[in-house]
Amino acid sequence: MFADERVGNLVVISSDSSQIKAIKSQTELIVRKTWSNPPSHGARIVAAVLNNPALNTEWYDLLI
């Protein structure tokens, strides 16, 4: 049901071309930690609540 995928775009603009290598290196580290292994627990919790009639009713009653 859930592929645990994230999408996005990151653009870095610098007026100092000598810093491109360092910027790319740091950006790759950040991106790797942030997007390569998205958490799936949130989607699993939502699926469990929505697919369980008792939990779904309890959740819905909290909204009203």
N, C-alpha and C. Protein backbone atom coordinates (compact mmCIF):
# COMPACT_ATOMS: atom_id res chain seq x y z
N MET A 1 0.83 -1.19 0.00
CA MET A 1 0.00 0.00 0.00
C MET A 1 0.87 1.25 0.00
N PHE A 2 1.80 1.35 0.93
CA PHE A 2 2.67 2.52 1.01
C PHE A 2 4.06 2.14 0.56
N ALA A 3 4.66 2.94 -0.26
CA ALA A 3 5.99 2.65 -0.77
C ALA A 3 7.06 3.39 0.04
N ASP A 4 6.65 4.15 1.03
CA ASP A 4 7.59 4.93 1.86
C ASP A 4 8.47 5.83 1.01
N GLU A 5 7.87 6.45 0.02
CA GLU A 5 8.64 7.30 -0.87
C GLU A 5 8.40 8.77 -0.53
N ARG A 6 9.42 9.54 -0.72
CA ARG A 6 9.31 10.99 -0.59
C ARG A 6 9.76 11.60 -1.90
N VAL A 7 9.23 12.75 -2.17
CA VAL A 7 9.64 13.47 -3.37
C VAL A 7 9.99 14.89 -2.97
N GLY A 8 10.78 15.52 -3.76
CA GLY A 8 11.13 16.89 -3.46
C GLY A 8 12.19 17.40 -4.40
N ASN A 9 12.59 18.61 -4.16
CA ASN A 9 13.59 19.26 -4.99
C ASN A 9 14.42 20.17 -4.10
N LEU A 10 15.69 20.17 -4.32
CA LEU A 10 16.59 21.03 -3.56
C LEU A 10 17.46 21.77 -4.55
N VAL A 11 17.51 23.08 -4.41
CA VAL A 11 18.33 23.91 -5.28
C VAL A 11 19.25 24.74 -4.40
N VAL A 12 20.53 24.72 -4.75
CA VAL A 12 21.52 25.52 -4.02
C VAL A 12 22.15 26.48 -5.02
N ILE A 13 22.17 27.75 -4.69
CA ILE A 13 22.76 28.76 -5.56
C ILE A 13 23.89 29.44 -4.79
N SER A 14 25.04 29.52 -5.43
CA SER A 14 26.19 30.14 -4.79
C SER A 14 26.91 31.03 -5.79
N SER A 15 27.36 32.15 -5.32
CA SER A 15 28.13 33.05 -6.19
C SER A 15 29.62 32.68 -6.18
N ASP A 16 30.01 31.73 -5.34
CA ASP A 16 31.41 31.33 -5.22
C ASP A 16 31.58 29.91 -5.76
N SER A 17 32.01 29.80 -7.01
CA SER A 17 32.13 28.49 -7.66
C SER A 17 33.19 27.62 -7.02
N SER A 18 34.10 28.19 -6.26
CA SER A 18 35.13 27.38 -5.60
C SER A 18 34.55 26.55 -4.45
N GLN A 19 33.34 26.88 -4.03
CA GLN A 19 32.70 26.18 -2.92
C GLN A 19 31.76 25.06 -3.37
N ILE A 20 31.62 24.87 -4.67
CA ILE A 20 30.66 23.89 -5.19
C ILE A 20 30.93 22.49 -4.66
N LYS A 21 32.18 22.07 -4.66
CA LYS A 21 32.50 20.71 -4.20
C LYS A 21 32.11 20.52 -2.74
N ALA A 22 32.43 21.50 -1.89
CA ALA A 22 32.09 21.40 -0.47
C ALA A 22 30.58 21.44 -0.25
N ILE A 23 29.91 22.30 -0.98
CA ILE A 23 28.45 22.40 -0.86
C ILE A 23 27.80 21.09 -1.29
N LYS A 24 28.27 20.54 -2.40
CA LYS A 24 27.71 19.27 -2.88
C LYS A 24 27.94 18.15 -1.87
N SER A 25 29.11 18.10 -1.30
CA SER A 25 29.42 17.06 -0.32
C SER A 25 28.51 17.15 0.90
N GLN A 26 28.35 18.34 1.45
CA GLN A 26 27.51 18.52 2.63
C GLN A 26 26.04 18.27 2.30
N THR A 27 25.61 18.72 1.13
CA THR A 27 24.23 18.51 0.72
C THR A 27 23.92 17.02 0.57
N GLU A 28 24.84 16.27 -0.02
CA GLU A 28 24.63 14.83 -0.18
C GLU A 28 24.50 14.13 1.17
N LEU A 29 25.27 14.56 2.16
CA LEU A 29 25.16 13.97 3.50
C LEU A 29 23.79 14.24 4.11
N ILE A 30 23.34 15.47 3.98
CA ILE A 30 22.04 15.86 4.54
C ILE A 30 20.91 15.12 3.82
N VAL A 31 20.96 15.10 2.50
CA VAL A 31 19.92 14.44 1.71
C VAL A 31 19.87 12.96 2.02
N ARG A 32 21.01 12.34 2.14
CA ARG A 32 21.07 10.90 2.41
C ARG A 32 20.36 10.58 3.72
N LYS A 33 20.63 11.35 4.76
CA LYS A 33 20.00 11.11 6.07
C LYS A 33 18.51 11.43 6.04
N THR A 34 18.15 12.46 5.32
CA THR A 34 16.78 12.95 5.35
C THR A 34 15.84 12.15 4.47
N TRP A 35 16.25 11.81 3.26
CA TRP A 35 15.31 11.26 2.30
C TRP A 35 15.52 9.81 1.93
N SER A 36 16.65 9.23 2.22
CA SER A 36 16.89 7.88 1.72
C SER A 36 16.10 6.82 2.48
N ASN A 37 15.80 7.05 3.74
CA ASN A 37 15.07 6.07 4.53
C ASN A 37 13.89 6.73 5.24
N PRO A 38 12.85 7.10 4.49
CA PRO A 38 11.73 7.77 5.12
C PRO A 38 11.02 6.85 6.11
N PRO A 39 10.54 7.39 7.21
CA PRO A 39 9.86 6.57 8.20
C PRO A 39 8.53 6.04 7.65
N SER A 40 8.23 4.81 8.01
CA SER A 40 6.96 4.24 7.57
C SER A 40 6.00 4.05 8.73
N HIS A 41 6.47 4.34 9.96
CA HIS A 41 5.61 4.09 11.11
C HIS A 41 4.36 4.97 11.11
N GLY A 42 4.47 6.18 10.64
CA GLY A 42 3.30 7.06 10.61
C GLY A 42 2.21 6.52 9.69
N ALA A 43 2.62 6.07 8.51
CA ALA A 43 1.66 5.50 7.56
C ALA A 43 1.06 4.22 8.11
N ARG A 44 1.86 3.44 8.82
CA ARG A 44 1.33 2.19 9.38
C ARG A 44 0.32 2.46 10.49
N ILE A 45 0.57 3.49 11.28
CA ILE A 45 -0.38 3.85 12.34
C ILE A 45 -1.70 4.30 11.73
N VAL A 46 -1.62 5.16 10.72
CA VAL A 46 -2.84 5.63 10.05
C VAL A 46 -3.60 4.46 9.44
N ALA A 47 -2.90 3.57 8.76
CA ALA A 47 -3.55 2.41 8.14
C ALA A 47 -4.22 1.54 9.20
N ALA A 48 -3.54 1.35 10.33
CA ALA A 48 -4.12 0.52 11.40
C ALA A 48 -5.40 1.14 11.94
N VAL A 49 -5.40 2.45 12.13
CA VAL A 49 -6.59 3.13 12.67
C VAL A 49 -7.73 3.12 11.65
N LEU A 50 -7.41 3.40 10.40
CA LEU A 50 -8.47 3.48 9.39
C LEU A 50 -9.04 2.12 9.02
N ASN A 51 -8.25 1.07 9.18
CA ASN A 51 -8.71 -0.27 8.81
C ASN A 51 -9.30 -1.07 9.97
N ASN A 52 -9.28 -0.50 11.16
CA ASN A 52 -9.85 -1.16 12.32
C ASN A 52 -11.12 -0.39 12.71
N PRO A 53 -12.30 -1.00 12.58
CA PRO A 53 -13.55 -0.27 12.84
C PRO A 53 -13.61 0.38 14.22
N ALA A 54 -13.14 -0.30 15.25
CA ALA A 54 -13.21 0.27 16.60
C ALA A 54 -12.29 1.48 16.73
N LEU A 55 -11.08 1.35 16.23
CA LEU A 55 -10.14 2.47 16.29
C LEU A 55 -10.60 3.62 15.39
N ASN A 56 -11.15 3.28 14.24
CA ASN A 56 -11.65 4.31 13.33
C ASN A 56 -12.76 5.10 13.99
N THR A 57 -13.68 4.42 14.65
CA THR A 57 -14.78 5.10 15.34
C THR A 57 -14.25 5.99 16.46
N GLU A 58 -13.30 5.47 17.23
CA GLU A 58 -12.72 6.26 18.32
C GLU A 58 -12.05 7.51 17.77
N TRP A 59 -11.30 7.37 16.70
CA TRP A 59 -10.62 8.52 16.08
C TRP A 59 -11.64 9.52 15.56
N TYR A 60 -12.66 9.03 14.87
CA TYR A 60 -13.67 9.91 14.30
C TYR A 60 -14.41 10.67 15.41
N ASP A 61 -14.72 9.98 16.52
CA ASP A 61 -15.42 10.62 17.63
C ASP A 61 -14.60 11.74 18.24
N LEU A 62 -13.29 11.64 18.19
CA LEU A 62 -12.43 12.70 18.72
C LEU A 62 -12.48 13.94 17.85
N LEU A 63 -12.79 13.77 16.58
CA LEU A 63 -12.85 14.91 15.65
C LEU A 63 -14.10 15.74 15.84
N ILE A 64 -15.15 15.10 16.32
CA ILE A 64 -16.45 15.79 16.44
C ILE A 64 -16.51 16.63 17.67
